[in-house]
Structure formats: C-alpha cells, structure tokens
Amino acid sequence: MARKFLYVVAFLTALAIAAMIAFSFFGPGLMRSALVPHAGFSEPAALPANFHARPEGWISRPDGRRNDPARWQPVTLKPLHPEDSARRAAIFFVHPTSSFDTLHWNAGPTDPLAGRQAERFVRLQASAFAASGDVWAPRYRQAVFGAFLSDKLDAQLALDRAYADVKASFSAFLAANPTGPIILAGHSQGSSHLLHLLFDERSSADLRKRLVAVYAIGWPVSIAHDLPALGLPACMKPDQTGCLLSWQSFAQPADTSTIEETFDRERGFDGQPRRGSAMLCTNPLTGGAAPAAAANANLGTLIGDGEALSTQLMLGGVGARCDGRGFLMLDNAPKLGSYVLPGNNYHVYDYPLFWANIRADALRRLGAWQPS
C-alpha cells in the first residue's frame, strides 16, 4: 500500500512538472484547460463539529505529536543562544496550495495526497519560525490550484470556503493563546487568506498590540491600496515590529507579466483598482533595511524535497534585490529542484531560498517586541 501511494505521488509530481513545461511552450490557455475544474462549484463536505478544537484540525500544533513537520530543524543548524530563546511567541501559519484536483474546487482537509504535500510545505516553510515559539498550522478546505487560473464565480466561491476555514481556525488559535506575542505567516494561497484575515481584524486593537510581524510571502501586496487599508506598515528595519513583509522571487531573465496582469485587474483592500501601483518587496536578506544584498548576506538555503531525512541547510549562495514594480530578483538562477515555474519564477522556493534569514528575522523581531 505504501509503495502504491508513493507511485501516485510520483505520478502527480510528474504531471505537475509536465504542466509547467507545457505552460512555457503553449501559454496560460493550456494550463487552464488542464488544471481548472470543468465541473461547476459544489459545496465541499462540511468540517466535523469543533474541527479546530481537536488535534486532527491541525497539521502542526503544540500537543506533543511525533514528527510534527513544523518542529523539524536541519541537522547542521547551530544551537540557539539562551538569550535568543528567552521569549516565545505563538505562530499562526497558513500553508499554500497543495492540491491539483480537477474534479472539485476545494480539497478536503483529510485528502491524503494534498495533506502529504501540505506537510512538506510546513516542513520547508513554517519550520523557520519554530525557534521563535509554537507553530499552529491549520488544515482547511483549500481552493485547488486551478482556482487561481480562473476568473469564474466558481473559483471565488472556492476561495471563500477556504477562507472561512482559516478564519475559524484563527479563532481557535486565539482561544488557545489569549495573551503574549503573535507571529502570522503564510505562503501563496495561505498569504492571501492571511491578508483577508488581517483586513477583517483591522479594528482589533488587542491583535495589533500583540503582533510581532506578518510574513505574507508569495502573494502581491499593493503599497498604495492594501497596506493603508490593512492598517499595517511595511517592515523597513530588521528590528521593527507590528509590520508586514512580502516578496515574490524571480531569476533573470524574468517574465513577471502573468502576475502583473492579474494584479492590475484586481482591486485593493481600499476598494480602488491596483492598476499601476507598486508591490511590496521586502528583501529577506536585509529585513527591509535595504533593497539589495549580496550572496554573503544569505545565512542558509534549504536544499531538498521537503522530506525530513533528505532536506539540508546549505550556506546561502544567493543574493537578491528588489526591482521593478516590487519583485525580488535573485542574483543567479540556483538549481534547487524541478519546481521553478515559467518565467524563472521561484515562487515555490520563496521560503527555502532564505530559510535561515527568515529564522533569524523572526527571532530578532520577537526580541524587539514590547508588550503595551
């Protein structure tokens, strides 16, 4: 049974890679045809009652689960200095899309293939925050990959259902962590839901007082039309707190047109069109203090497929600079794996490229955070 499961995972991985190659030759139309569900939206199965009050509602949470992916750490990592671990935060992390299902618009939270990939993302991404405290990563009825390739009402309904789960899980997270500092983080679809959540919670003075930082990575954020409506400043200093970081990684020659076209069609959280506005780009190598940094500022990159035994931390050999409308341009095109998207888009590697810097960034901001 285990071997059969691995064959299925390998097949889906190969399918995803083939789709990316096809995209590079034939464009977005073929990608949409292959990956957007052809059936109309139907309500996904309801979550069990009090789903996020129970362990099965979470990929990671501080309940002593063996092999919690968020607690994984590279074997070559140096131990923390006692001063670095003196303060502990509660970290709420929303994982990115891990389902390529084309029969439904939402993946069930117990889908074995999507769940396994989600755990790999948590290991590659949320583990960067483990040194800062306890990571809570909810399971939710995520919108499938094809929902982000379609402007149908079905796609929006799928995203709404996914967000409702994230919002419910956040309420459970706050109930379990009523006091103390909080770090919010996500990637891609996860960051989209996180930003929506921040907008809905913009009047919560208690959340603002507790907020160390928001890592809304892998999703475009308009400086003019999103940040003011969210009520959060961009992180401009490595020790700044209560601020937001975001970046989207590309190597040269880069084609950012697909992201820009979608971004320009949408409205910001202030209700105004985003067209022509700049996107927030935080250089993770400088904590936002400077737009550019050489490779020697990179403290370490994760190399591997996200499995616990095969993923390693290597001394970072990648520098980066914020460029253009707000994209993070790498100073070379590192060979990290098979998931570089068309246009030299390193979206899948937004976290692994700068894993050690993100870890250090969260610890530094947590150390600077002061209760009020």
Protein backbone atom coordinates (compact mmCIF):
# COMPACT_ATOMS: atom_id res chain seq x y z
CA MET A 1 0.00 0.00 0.00
CA ALA A 2 2.81 2.41 0.89
CA ARG A 3 4.56 1.72 -2.41
CA LYS A 4 1.35 2.34 -4.33
CA PHE A 5 0.90 5.64 -2.50
CA LEU A 6 4.44 6.72 -3.46
CA TYR A 7 3.77 5.83 -7.09
CA VAL A 8 0.69 8.06 -7.06
CA VAL A 9 2.68 10.93 -5.51
CA ALA A 10 5.41 10.48 -8.13
CA PHE A 11 2.81 10.47 -10.92
CA LEU A 12 1.18 13.67 -9.69
CA THR A 13 4.57 15.33 -9.31
CA ALA A 14 5.47 14.36 -12.87
CA LEU A 15 2.09 15.64 -14.04
CA ALA A 16 2.68 18.99 -12.37
CA ILE A 17 6.14 19.29 -13.94
CA ALA A 18 4.74 18.38 -17.35
CA ALA A 19 2.08 21.04 -16.93
CA MET A 20 4.73 23.65 -16.14
CA ILE A 21 6.75 22.66 -19.23
CA ALA A 22 3.62 22.80 -21.37
CA PHE A 23 2.86 26.24 -19.97
CA SER A 24 6.27 27.53 -21.07
CA PHE A 25 5.56 26.44 -24.66
CA PHE A 26 1.84 26.92 -25.08
CA GLY A 27 0.88 29.54 -22.51
CA PRO A 28 -1.80 30.07 -19.88
CA GLY A 29 -4.61 28.72 -22.06
CA LEU A 30 -3.32 25.17 -21.95
CA MET A 31 -2.66 25.39 -18.22
CA ARG A 32 -6.23 26.50 -17.60
CA SER A 33 -7.61 23.75 -19.82
CA ALA A 34 -5.62 21.09 -17.96
CA LEU A 35 -5.98 22.24 -14.36
CA VAL A 36 -9.18 24.27 -13.94
CA PRO A 37 -12.05 22.02 -12.80
CA HIS A 38 -14.61 21.58 -15.58
CA ALA A 39 -17.49 20.83 -13.25
CA GLY A 40 -19.40 23.64 -11.57
CA PHE A 41 -18.74 24.52 -7.96
CA SER A 42 -20.41 22.33 -5.39
CA GLU A 43 -20.33 22.77 -1.64
CA PRO A 44 -17.47 20.76 -0.14
CA ALA A 45 -18.28 18.37 2.66
CA ALA A 46 -18.72 20.22 5.93
CA LEU A 47 -15.96 20.08 8.52
CA PRO A 48 -16.70 18.00 11.61
CA ALA A 49 -18.07 19.95 14.56
CA ASN A 50 -15.36 21.77 16.53
CA PHE A 51 -12.80 20.59 13.96
CA HIS A 52 -10.12 23.09 15.03
CA ALA A 53 -10.64 22.36 18.70
CA ARG A 54 -9.20 18.89 18.11
CA PRO A 55 -5.71 17.70 17.09
CA GLU A 56 -6.90 16.42 13.70
CA GLY A 57 -7.78 20.00 12.72
CA TRP A 58 -4.09 20.92 12.61
CA ILE A 59 -1.01 19.87 10.68
CA SER A 60 1.07 21.36 13.49
CA ARG A 61 0.22 22.46 16.99
CA PRO A 62 1.99 22.16 20.38
CA ASP A 63 0.43 18.90 21.51
CA GLY A 64 3.46 16.62 21.51
CA ARG A 65 2.74 14.98 18.15
CA ARG A 66 5.66 12.91 16.92
CA ASN A 67 7.28 14.09 13.68
CA ASP A 68 5.47 17.43 13.69
CA PRO A 69 6.75 18.96 10.41
CA ALA A 70 6.94 22.49 11.85
CA ARG A 71 9.32 21.34 14.57
CA TRP A 72 11.76 19.81 12.07
CA GLN A 73 15.15 21.55 12.02
CA PRO A 74 18.20 20.95 9.80
CA VAL A 75 20.83 18.75 11.45
CA THR A 76 23.58 21.28 10.65
CA LEU A 77 21.83 24.13 12.46
CA LYS A 78 23.76 25.64 15.34
CA PRO A 79 22.03 25.60 18.75
CA LEU A 80 20.31 28.79 19.83
CA HIS A 81 21.96 31.08 22.33
CA PRO A 82 19.90 31.13 25.56
CA GLU A 83 19.10 34.82 25.04
CA ASP A 84 17.61 34.03 21.62
CA SER A 85 15.05 31.61 23.07
CA ALA A 86 14.12 33.58 26.18
CA ARG A 87 10.84 34.88 24.68
CA ARG A 88 8.27 32.65 22.99
CA ALA A 89 5.57 33.60 20.51
CA ALA A 90 2.50 31.80 19.20
CA ILE A 91 2.85 31.41 15.42
CA PHE A 92 -0.17 31.03 13.14
CA PHE A 93 0.92 29.63 9.75
CA VAL A 94 -1.35 29.06 6.72
CA HIS A 95 0.10 26.65 4.17
CA PRO A 96 -0.03 27.22 0.39
CA THR A 97 -1.98 25.28 -2.24
CA SER A 98 -1.12 21.60 -2.23
CA SER A 99 -3.95 20.14 -4.34
CA PHE A 100 -4.11 19.73 -8.14
CA ASP A 101 -7.56 18.11 -8.03
CA THR A 102 -9.58 18.86 -11.19
CA LEU A 103 -12.82 17.16 -10.11
CA HIS A 104 -13.58 19.57 -7.26
CA TRP A 105 -12.90 23.21 -6.50
CA ASN A 106 -11.91 22.54 -2.88
CA ALA A 107 -9.75 19.79 -1.44
CA GLY A 108 -10.93 18.06 1.71
CA PRO A 109 -8.75 18.58 4.80
CA THR A 110 -8.17 14.82 5.03
CA ASP A 111 -7.21 14.31 1.36
CA PRO A 112 -4.08 12.10 1.69
CA LEU A 113 -2.15 13.46 -1.32
CA ALA A 114 -2.87 17.12 -0.63
CA GLY A 115 -2.21 16.53 3.06
CA ARG A 116 1.18 14.95 2.46
CA GLN A 117 2.25 17.83 0.24
CA ALA A 118 0.93 20.36 2.78
CA GLU A 119 3.10 18.73 5.45
CA ARG A 120 6.13 19.09 3.20
CA PHE A 121 5.37 22.80 2.78
CA VAL A 122 5.06 23.19 6.55
CA ARG A 123 8.45 21.49 6.98
CA LEU A 124 10.08 23.71 4.34
CA GLN A 125 8.42 26.95 5.42
CA ALA A 126 6.86 27.06 8.88
CA SER A 127 9.90 25.36 10.42
CA ALA A 128 11.73 28.68 10.05
CA PHE A 129 9.56 30.01 12.91
CA ALA A 130 9.94 27.03 15.27
CA ALA A 131 12.81 28.69 17.15
CA SER A 132 10.50 31.62 17.94
CA GLY A 133 7.74 29.63 19.61
CA ASP A 134 4.91 27.18 19.00
CA VAL A 135 3.64 26.81 15.42
CA TRP A 136 -0.05 26.30 14.73
CA ALA A 137 -0.76 25.29 11.10
CA PRO A 138 -4.44 24.52 10.40
CA ARG A 139 -5.92 22.07 7.96
CA TYR A 140 -8.51 23.74 5.76
CA ARG A 141 -10.61 23.09 2.67
CA GLN A 142 -8.13 24.80 0.39
CA ALA A 143 -9.04 26.03 -3.08
CA VAL A 144 -7.37 23.77 -5.65
CA PHE A 145 -4.59 25.02 -7.93
CA GLY A 146 -6.95 25.54 -10.87
CA ALA A 147 -8.98 28.10 -8.91
CA PHE A 148 -6.08 30.54 -9.32
CA LEU A 149 -6.17 30.16 -13.10
CA SER A 150 -9.84 31.05 -13.48
CA ASP A 151 -11.96 34.16 -13.12
CA LYS A 152 -15.19 32.14 -12.86
CA LEU A 153 -17.52 32.67 -9.93
CA ASP A 154 -16.75 29.03 -9.03
CA ALA A 155 -13.17 30.00 -8.23
CA GLN A 156 -14.24 32.80 -5.91
CA LEU A 157 -16.69 30.53 -4.13
CA ALA A 158 -13.89 28.01 -3.59
CA LEU A 159 -11.64 30.70 -2.13
CA ASP A 160 -14.45 31.91 0.12
CA ARG A 161 -14.94 28.42 1.53
CA ALA A 162 -11.22 28.05 2.16
CA TYR A 163 -11.04 31.43 3.88
CA ALA A 164 -13.99 30.57 6.14
CA ASP A 165 -11.99 27.60 7.46
CA VAL A 166 -8.87 29.72 8.02
CA LYS A 167 -10.91 32.31 9.89
CA ALA A 168 -12.46 29.63 12.10
CA SER A 169 -9.05 28.13 12.82
CA PHE A 170 -7.70 31.56 13.76
CA SER A 171 -10.47 31.94 16.34
CA ALA A 172 -9.44 28.59 17.83
CA PHE A 173 -5.79 29.72 17.77
CA LEU A 174 -6.61 32.90 19.68
CA ALA A 175 -8.69 30.98 22.21
CA ALA A 176 -5.72 28.71 22.88
CA ASN A 177 -3.30 31.66 23.01
CA PRO A 178 -5.15 34.53 24.74
CA THR A 179 -2.03 36.51 25.70
CA GLY A 180 1.52 37.09 24.54
CA PRO A 181 3.22 37.91 21.23
CA ILE A 182 1.90 36.56 17.94
CA ILE A 183 3.58 35.96 14.56
CA LEU A 184 1.38 35.47 11.50
CA ALA A 185 2.83 33.77 8.43
CA GLY A 186 1.77 32.09 5.21
CA HIS A 187 2.68 31.47 1.62
CA SER A 188 0.80 31.90 -1.66
CA GLN A 189 -2.88 30.94 -1.05
CA GLY A 190 -2.05 30.94 2.65
CA SER A 191 -0.82 34.54 2.46
CA SER A 192 -3.93 35.56 0.52
CA HIS A 193 -6.16 34.23 3.31
CA LEU A 194 -3.90 35.79 5.93
CA LEU A 195 -4.25 39.24 4.34
CA HIS A 196 -8.03 38.81 4.17
CA LEU A 197 -7.98 37.88 7.85
CA LEU A 198 -5.96 40.97 8.75
CA PHE A 199 -8.45 43.14 6.89
CA ASP A 200 -11.36 41.58 8.76
CA GLU A 201 -9.47 42.03 12.07
CA ARG A 202 -8.22 45.57 11.31
CA SER A 203 -10.21 47.07 14.20
CA SER A 204 -8.80 44.63 16.77
CA ALA A 205 -6.56 46.74 18.99
CA ASP A 206 -5.57 43.67 21.02
CA LEU A 207 -4.26 41.85 17.94
CA ARG A 208 -2.27 44.92 16.88
CA LYS A 209 -0.65 45.17 20.32
CA ARG A 210 0.35 41.50 20.27
CA LEU A 211 1.60 41.40 16.67
CA VAL A 212 5.34 40.83 16.20
CA ALA A 213 5.22 40.69 12.38
CA VAL A 214 3.25 39.35 9.43
CA TYR A 215 5.06 37.25 6.80
CA ALA A 216 2.67 37.40 3.81
CA ILE A 217 5.10 35.80 1.39
CA GLY A 218 4.45 34.77 -2.21
CA TRP A 219 1.40 36.99 -2.72
CA PRO A 220 1.35 40.52 -4.22
CA VAL A 221 0.58 43.35 -1.80
CA SER A 222 -0.12 46.85 -3.11
CA ILE A 223 1.76 49.52 -1.19
CA ALA A 224 -0.84 52.16 -2.07
CA HIS A 225 -4.09 50.16 -1.98
CA ASP A 226 -3.53 47.33 0.51
CA LEU A 227 -1.20 48.40 3.31
CA PRO A 228 -3.14 51.53 4.41
CA ALA A 229 -6.43 49.58 4.44
CA LEU A 230 -4.83 46.80 6.50
CA GLY A 231 -3.53 49.39 8.96
CA LEU A 232 -0.02 47.93 8.89
CA PRO A 233 3.27 49.50 7.80
CA ALA A 234 5.84 47.70 5.69
CA CYS A 235 8.84 46.35 7.61
CA MET A 236 11.66 48.78 6.86
CA LYS A 237 14.08 47.82 9.67
CA PRO A 238 15.25 44.42 10.93
CA ASP A 239 14.07 45.14 14.49
CA GLN A 240 10.74 46.76 13.58
CA THR A 241 7.60 45.10 14.95
CA GLY A 242 3.91 45.24 14.11
CA CYS A 243 4.77 45.37 10.40
CA LEU A 244 4.36 43.28 7.24
CA LEU A 245 6.89 41.53 4.99
CA SER A 246 6.24 40.21 1.49
CA TRP A 247 8.28 39.16 -1.53
CA GLN A 248 8.00 37.19 -4.78
CA SER A 249 11.21 35.58 -6.04
CA PHE A 250 12.40 35.54 -9.68
CA ALA A 251 15.67 34.92 -11.50
CA GLN A 252 16.78 36.59 -14.71
CA PRO A 253 15.60 36.57 -17.42
CA ALA A 254 12.33 37.06 -15.59
CA ASP A 255 8.82 37.20 -17.02
CA THR A 256 6.50 38.72 -14.41
CA SER A 257 3.71 39.60 -16.84
CA THR A 258 1.21 36.96 -15.67
CA ILE A 259 1.35 38.18 -12.07
CA GLU A 260 1.24 41.83 -13.11
CA GLU A 261 -1.78 41.33 -15.38
CA THR A 262 -3.75 39.59 -12.66
CA PHE A 263 -2.68 42.13 -10.04
CA ASP A 264 -3.72 45.05 -12.28
CA ARG A 265 -7.19 43.59 -12.84
CA GLU A 266 -8.00 43.42 -9.14
CA ARG A 267 -8.98 45.97 -6.52
CA GLY A 268 -7.08 46.58 -3.34
CA PHE A 269 -8.41 46.30 0.17
CA ASP A 270 -9.32 50.00 -0.07
CA GLY A 271 -11.72 49.18 -2.90
CA GLN A 272 -9.63 51.02 -5.51
CA PRO A 273 -8.04 49.47 -8.62
CA ARG A 274 -4.48 48.29 -8.07
CA ARG A 275 -3.51 49.05 -11.68
CA GLY A 276 -0.11 50.68 -11.93
CA SER A 277 0.62 50.53 -8.20
CA ALA A 278 3.87 49.16 -6.80
CA MET A 279 4.01 45.86 -4.94
CA LEU A 280 5.63 45.50 -1.55
CA CYS A 281 9.06 43.87 -1.79
CA THR A 282 10.89 43.13 1.44
CA ASN A 283 14.40 41.85 0.93
CA PRO A 284 14.65 38.94 3.41
CA LEU A 285 18.46 39.30 3.44
CA THR A 286 18.22 42.80 4.97
CA GLY A 287 14.92 42.68 6.87
CA GLY A 288 13.69 45.50 4.65
CA ALA A 289 16.53 47.86 5.61
CA ALA A 290 17.96 47.90 2.06
CA PRO A 291 16.63 46.80 -1.34
CA ALA A 292 19.73 44.79 -2.28
CA ALA A 293 22.16 42.37 -0.66
CA ALA A 294 24.98 40.16 -1.91
CA ALA A 295 25.11 36.38 -1.52
CA ASN A 296 27.30 36.62 1.59
CA ALA A 297 24.28 38.03 3.47
CA ASN A 298 22.40 34.77 2.91
CA LEU A 299 22.67 32.73 6.11
CA GLY A 300 21.44 29.47 4.60
CA THR A 301 19.22 27.89 1.94
CA LEU A 302 17.22 24.68 2.31
CA ILE A 303 18.15 22.11 -0.30
CA GLY A 304 15.89 19.10 -0.76
CA ASP A 305 12.38 17.90 -1.42
CA GLY A 306 10.87 18.66 1.97
CA GLU A 307 11.27 15.16 3.37
CA ALA A 308 12.82 15.18 6.83
CA LEU A 309 15.84 12.99 6.03
CA SER A 310 16.76 14.42 2.63
CA THR A 311 16.47 18.17 3.23
CA GLN A 312 19.59 20.04 4.32
CA LEU A 313 20.63 23.58 5.13
CA MET A 314 23.44 24.84 2.91
CA LEU A 315 25.37 28.07 3.23
CA GLY A 316 23.42 30.53 1.14
CA GLY A 317 24.92 31.28 -2.25
CA VAL A 318 22.11 33.55 -3.44
CA GLY A 319 21.90 37.32 -3.22
CA ALA A 320 18.79 39.32 -4.09
CA ARG A 321 17.50 42.80 -4.84
CA CYS A 322 14.06 44.40 -5.02
CA ASP A 323 13.49 45.59 -8.56
CA GLY A 324 10.87 46.89 -10.98
CA ARG A 325 7.35 47.07 -9.58
CA GLY A 326 8.35 45.12 -6.50
CA PHE A 327 9.74 41.71 -7.42
CA LEU A 328 12.66 40.11 -5.61
CA MET A 329 15.31 39.36 -8.24
CA LEU A 330 17.89 36.70 -7.42
CA ASP A 331 21.48 37.36 -8.44
CA ASN A 332 21.68 33.91 -10.05
CA ALA A 333 19.42 31.02 -11.00
CA PRO A 334 20.13 28.36 -8.34
CA LYS A 335 19.44 24.68 -9.06
CA LEU A 336 17.07 23.85 -6.20
CA GLY A 337 14.76 21.35 -7.87
CA SER A 338 12.15 20.82 -10.56
CA TYR A 339 9.57 23.37 -9.47
CA VAL A 340 10.84 26.61 -10.98
CA LEU A 341 7.76 27.98 -12.72
CA PRO A 342 7.66 29.53 -16.20
CA GLY A 343 9.23 32.96 -16.42
CA ASN A 344 12.01 31.93 -13.99
CA ASN A 345 9.51 32.24 -11.17
CA TYR A 346 10.98 30.80 -7.94
CA HIS A 347 7.62 31.00 -6.17
CA VAL A 348 7.90 27.51 -4.67
CA TYR A 349 11.27 28.47 -3.17
CA ASP A 350 10.31 31.83 -1.59
CA TYR A 351 10.97 30.34 1.86
CA PRO A 352 13.73 27.75 1.24
CA LEU A 353 15.97 30.28 -0.53
CA PHE A 354 16.16 32.43 2.61
CA TRP A 355 15.20 29.94 5.34
CA ALA A 356 17.98 30.82 7.80
CA ASN A 357 17.44 34.56 7.28
CA ILE A 358 13.71 34.20 7.95
CA ARG A 359 14.51 32.27 11.12
CA ALA A 360 16.91 34.97 12.29
CA ASP A 361 14.49 37.73 11.26
CA ALA A 362 11.63 36.31 13.35
CA LEU A 363 13.89 35.86 16.39
CA ARG A 364 15.21 39.40 16.08
CA ARG A 365 11.76 40.97 15.78
CA LEU A 366 10.47 38.86 18.65
CA GLY A 367 13.36 40.07 20.79
CA ALA A 368 12.49 43.68 19.92
CA TRP A 369 8.75 43.28 20.59
CA GLN A 370 7.48 45.02 23.70
CA PRO A 371 4.09 44.44 25.36
CA SER A 372 1.91 47.52 25.67
